[in-house]
Protein backbone atom coordinates (compact mmCIF):
# COMPACT_ATOMS: atom_id res chain seq x y z
CA MET A 1 88.84 -37.90 26.96
CA SER A 2 92.19 -36.96 25.43
CA ASP A 3 94.01 -33.68 26.03
CA VAL A 4 92.56 -31.99 22.94
CA ASP A 5 88.97 -33.23 23.15
CA TRP A 6 87.96 -30.05 24.98
CA LEU A 7 88.57 -28.15 21.72
CA LEU A 8 85.56 -29.87 20.18
CA GLN A 9 83.18 -28.80 22.96
CA PRO A 10 80.77 -25.95 22.11
CA SER A 11 81.96 -23.98 25.15
CA ALA A 12 85.55 -24.00 23.82
CA ILE A 13 84.76 -22.38 20.47
CA GLY A 14 85.07 -18.88 21.95
CA VAL A 15 88.45 -19.71 23.47
CA VAL A 16 89.73 -21.18 20.21
CA VAL A 17 88.52 -18.21 18.17
CA HIS A 18 90.01 -15.74 20.65
CA LEU A 19 93.39 -17.49 20.65
CA GLY A 20 93.40 -17.76 16.87
CA VAL A 21 92.10 -14.33 15.94
CA ALA A 22 92.58 -11.89 18.82
CA ALA A 23 95.78 -13.27 20.30
CA THR A 24 97.57 -14.44 17.15
CA ALA A 25 96.25 -13.19 13.80
CA MET A 26 95.44 -9.57 14.70
CA PRO A 27 98.79 -8.84 16.42
CA TYR A 28 100.68 -10.22 13.41
CA ILE A 29 98.54 -8.24 10.98
CA LEU A 30 99.12 -5.06 12.99
CA PHE A 31 102.84 -5.84 13.27
CA ALA A 32 103.13 -6.35 9.51
CA TRP A 33 101.18 -3.14 8.85
CA GLY A 34 103.44 -1.26 11.27
CA LEU A 35 106.55 -2.62 9.58
CA GLY A 36 105.25 -1.37 6.26
CA THR A 37 104.72 2.15 7.57
CA THR A 38 108.04 2.67 9.39
CA ARG A 39 111.61 3.19 8.28
CA VAL A 40 113.74 0.08 7.98
CA SER A 41 116.09 1.15 10.77
CA THR A 42 113.21 1.79 13.15
CA ALA A 43 111.53 -1.51 12.28
CA THR A 44 114.79 -3.38 12.89
CA THR A 45 115.25 -1.74 16.27
CA LEU A 46 111.68 -2.51 17.30
CA SER A 47 112.04 -6.11 16.13
CA LEU A 48 115.11 -6.48 18.35
CA ALA A 49 113.26 -5.04 21.33
CA GLU A 50 110.23 -7.33 20.99
CA PRO A 51 111.71 -10.50 22.57
CA MET A 52 113.23 -8.44 25.37
CA THR A 53 109.85 -6.85 26.06
CA ALA A 54 108.10 -10.23 26.02
CA ALA A 55 110.65 -11.72 28.43
CA THR A 56 110.44 -8.72 30.75
CA LEU A 57 106.64 -8.90 30.82
CA GLY A 58 106.86 -12.62 31.55
CA ILE A 59 109.15 -11.93 34.49
CA ILE A 60 107.11 -9.03 35.88
CA ILE A 61 103.54 -10.18 35.20
CA LEU A 62 103.82 -13.97 35.21
CA GLY A 63 106.59 -14.30 37.78
CA GLU A 64 108.86 -16.33 35.52
CA GLN A 65 112.26 -17.18 36.91
CA VAL A 66 115.34 -15.58 35.36
CA ASN A 67 118.25 -17.94 34.84
CA LEU A 68 121.75 -16.94 33.77
CA GLN A 69 121.05 -17.43 30.06
CA ALA A 70 117.84 -15.38 30.09
CA GLY A 71 119.39 -12.63 32.18
CA SER A 72 122.45 -12.49 29.95
CA GLY A 73 120.26 -12.35 26.83
CA LEU A 74 118.13 -9.55 28.25
CA PHE A 75 121.25 -7.61 29.22
CA LEU A 76 122.88 -8.06 25.81
CA ILE A 77 119.78 -6.99 23.89
CA PHE A 78 119.28 -3.97 26.17
CA PHE A 79 122.97 -3.03 25.93
CA GLY A 80 122.93 -3.38 22.13
CA LEU A 81 119.82 -1.21 21.80
CA ALA A 82 121.29 1.38 24.18
CA MET A 83 124.47 1.50 22.11
CA LEU A 84 122.42 1.86 18.93
CA VAL A 85 120.48 4.80 20.37
CA TRP A 86 123.62 6.41 21.79
CA THR A 87 125.46 6.07 18.47
CA ARG A 88 122.54 7.56 16.52
CA ARG A 89 122.34 10.54 18.88
CA ASN A 90 126.07 11.23 18.55
CA VAL A 91 125.94 10.94 14.76
CA SER A 92 122.95 13.32 14.55
CA ARG A 93 124.71 15.82 16.84
CA ASN A 94 127.84 15.73 14.68
CA VAL A 95 125.79 16.23 11.51
CA THR A 96 124.03 19.34 12.88
CA ARG A 97 127.32 21.01 13.85
């Protein structure tokens, strides 16, 4: 039995359908719908935060190890998003004055 023969078993059909529909297709459909209903700047910010969120969940929930590259990447994305939010707040405060 090869590594993918289990996919052809009747008991695996539910797993395959779940991975294909519930875990892959539906999130992308919802993501695309959400992108179509938000402002471009908000969608860009959320798209930048998505890999950081996935990595953080992997570390917290799955116990993945953080190496220097991953830690640096998480820090840089977080720092960039923080600067983006801080800059927007300062610009909006200056506009209202």
